[in-house]
Amino acid sequence: MATEASRRRLRALEVMERLKSLETERQAAETGALRARMDKLEGDKTALLDRLSGESRIDGLEGAPYLGRFIRSIRAEVDRITNDAAKLAPELARSEEKLRAALAEQKTYEILRLKRLAEEREARAKREAEAQDELSLVRWNR
């Protein structure tokens, strides 16, 4: 039979594993939001560059005065997006590192809990084998 102390340790490990799981889920959501922002910036930048390459031709002289402003405007927006992405990249890297650390800690608690369960099962099996041996000896001596 498992001792009360070992049951309490097992419950504590289960609680710690669950808490780490919740923290990991929160960190994963935060990292996912940052990745989504980064992907949106990259998508916007690609769309602007595609627009620039597709719409930077003029057919007549009447569009010439507007073409320079259009190109400068698109370039300014691409530069702004590039700067925003550069500012976001370290934040994303930190968030991903926190997520890796949280996952590692959660896995540690899981491994400890599973190890304790295995030890408890082995101890129970050993006690049952000893009880069976004792019963066999009692029967043999009769």
Protein backbone atom coordinates (compact mmCIF):
# COMPACT_ATOMS: atom_id res chain seq x y z
CA MET A 1 0.00 0.00 0.00
CA ALA A 2 1.33 3.43 -0.90
CA THR A 3 2.12 5.68 1.99
CA GLU A 4 0.27 8.90 2.53
CA ALA A 5 3.47 10.86 1.95
CA SER A 6 4.04 9.25 -1.45
CA ARG A 7 0.42 9.95 -2.43
CA ARG A 8 0.83 13.58 -1.40
CA ARG A 9 4.06 13.85 -3.42
CA LEU A 10 2.31 12.36 -6.42
CA ARG A 11 -0.61 14.77 -6.09
CA ALA A 12 1.81 17.69 -5.73
CA LEU A 13 3.59 16.64 -8.91
CA GLU A 14 0.25 16.39 -10.72
CA VAL A 15 -0.67 19.90 -9.56
CA MET A 16 2.71 21.32 -10.60
CA GLU A 17 2.44 19.60 -13.98
CA ARG A 18 -1.05 21.05 -14.51
CA LEU A 19 0.07 24.54 -13.49
CA LYS A 20 3.01 24.34 -15.88
CA SER A 21 0.63 23.12 -18.57
CA LEU A 22 -1.55 26.20 -18.09
CA GLU A 23 1.50 28.46 -18.16
CA THR A 24 2.73 26.72 -21.30
CA GLU A 25 -0.64 27.18 -22.99
CA ARG A 26 -0.62 30.89 -22.10
CA GLN A 27 2.92 31.29 -23.42
CA ALA A 28 2.04 29.38 -26.59
CA ALA A 29 -0.92 31.72 -27.20
CA GLU A 30 1.31 34.75 -26.69
CA THR A 31 3.95 33.34 -29.05
CA GLY A 32 1.27 32.49 -31.60
CA ALA A 33 -0.05 36.05 -31.50
CA LEU A 34 3.45 37.43 -32.07
CA ARG A 35 4.02 35.01 -34.96
CA ALA A 36 0.69 36.06 -36.47
CA ARG A 37 1.71 39.73 -36.26
CA MET A 38 5.06 38.91 -37.89
CA ASP A 39 3.34 36.91 -40.64
CA LYS A 40 0.90 39.77 -41.27
CA LEU A 41 3.76 42.24 -41.57
CA GLU A 42 5.56 39.97 -44.03
CA GLY A 43 2.35 39.47 -46.00
CA ASP A 44 1.70 43.21 -46.14
CA LYS A 45 5.27 43.84 -47.26
CA THR A 46 5.01 41.22 -50.01
CA ALA A 47 1.68 42.65 -51.17
CA LEU A 48 3.15 46.15 -51.36
CA LEU A 49 6.19 44.98 -53.29
CA ASP A 50 3.95 43.06 -55.68
CA ARG A 51 1.83 46.16 -56.12
CA LEU A 52 4.92 48.25 -56.72
CA SER A 53 6.20 45.92 -59.39
CA GLY A 54 2.79 45.61 -61.03
CA GLU A 55 1.63 49.22 -60.92
CA SER A 56 4.86 51.17 -61.46
CA ARG A 57 4.46 51.36 -65.22
CA ILE A 58 2.79 54.27 -66.95
CA ASP A 59 1.18 54.24 -70.34
CA GLY A 60 1.05 57.96 -70.97
CA LEU A 61 2.61 61.19 -69.81
CA GLU A 62 -0.40 62.14 -67.68
CA GLY A 63 0.55 59.56 -65.01
CA ALA A 64 4.22 60.52 -64.80
CA PRO A 65 3.85 63.17 -62.06
CA TYR A 66 2.03 60.70 -59.82
CA LEU A 67 4.36 57.73 -60.35
CA GLY A 68 7.22 59.18 -58.29
CA ARG A 69 4.93 59.89 -55.34
CA PHE A 70 3.39 56.44 -55.65
CA ILE A 71 6.81 54.73 -55.59
CA ARG A 72 8.01 56.87 -52.65
CA SER A 73 4.81 56.14 -50.75
CA ILE A 74 5.09 52.39 -51.29
CA ARG A 75 8.81 52.44 -50.39
CA ALA A 76 8.07 54.40 -47.19
CA GLU A 77 5.40 51.90 -46.21
CA VAL A 78 7.74 48.96 -46.95
CA ASP A 79 10.44 50.61 -44.82
CA ARG A 80 7.96 51.14 -41.97
CA ILE A 81 6.89 47.50 -42.13
CA THR A 82 10.53 46.36 -42.22
CA ASN A 83 11.29 48.47 -39.11
CA ASP A 84 8.22 47.11 -37.31
CA ALA A 85 9.28 43.54 -38.15
CA ALA A 86 12.83 44.25 -36.95
CA LYS A 87 11.45 45.54 -33.63
CA LEU A 88 9.13 42.54 -33.31
CA ALA A 89 11.78 39.88 -34.09
CA PRO A 90 13.62 40.03 -30.71
CA GLU A 91 10.31 39.99 -28.86
CA LEU A 92 9.26 36.91 -30.82
CA ALA A 93 12.60 35.22 -30.11
CA ARG A 94 12.23 35.90 -26.35
CA SER A 95 8.69 34.56 -26.40
CA GLU A 96 9.76 31.41 -28.22
CA GLU A 97 12.59 30.89 -25.69
CA LYS A 98 10.12 31.28 -22.80
CA LEU A 99 7.85 28.74 -24.49
CA ARG A 100 10.72 26.25 -24.85
CA ALA A 101 11.64 26.71 -21.17
CA ALA A 102 8.03 26.26 -20.05
CA LEU A 103 7.70 23.09 -22.14
CA ALA A 104 10.94 21.71 -20.69
CA GLU A 105 9.81 22.40 -17.13
CA GLN A 106 6.39 20.87 -17.79
CA LYS A 107 8.08 17.77 -19.22
CA THR A 108 10.30 17.55 -16.13
CA TYR A 109 7.26 17.41 -13.86
CA GLU A 110 5.66 14.83 -16.12
CA ILE A 111 8.78 12.65 -16.06
CA LEU A 112 9.03 12.90 -12.27
CA ARG A 113 5.36 12.01 -11.85
CA LEU A 114 5.63 9.02 -14.18
CA LYS A 115 8.80 7.88 -12.41
CA ARG A 116 7.03 8.07 -9.03
CA LEU A 117 4.09 6.10 -10.42
CA ALA A 118 6.42 3.42 -11.78
CA GLU A 119 8.26 3.21 -8.45
CA GLU A 120 4.94 2.89 -6.64
CA ARG A 121 3.82 0.11 -9.00
CA GLU A 122 7.11 -1.74 -8.53
CA ALA A 123 6.87 -1.43 -4.75
CA ARG A 124 3.28 -2.70 -4.81
CA ALA A 125 4.26 -5.64 -7.02
CA LYS A 126 7.16 -6.45 -4.69
CA ARG A 127 4.86 -6.33 -1.64
CA GLU A 128 2.33 -8.57 -3.39
CA ALA A 129 5.08 -11.04 -4.35
CA GLU A 130 6.35 -11.08 -0.77
CA ALA A 131 2.82 -11.66 0.53
CA GLN A 132 2.36 -14.47 -1.99
CA ASP A 133 5.68 -16.02 -0.92
CA GLU A 134 4.65 -15.80 2.73
CA LEU A 135 1.32 -17.44 1.94
CA SER A 136 3.10 -20.21 0.05
CA LEU A 137 5.44 -20.82 3.00
CA VAL A 138 2.52 -20.98 5.42
CA ARG A 139 0.78 -23.54 3.18
CA TRP A 140 4.00 -25.55 2.78
CA ASN A 141 4.54 -25.72 6.53
CA ARG A 142 1.07 -27.12 7.16
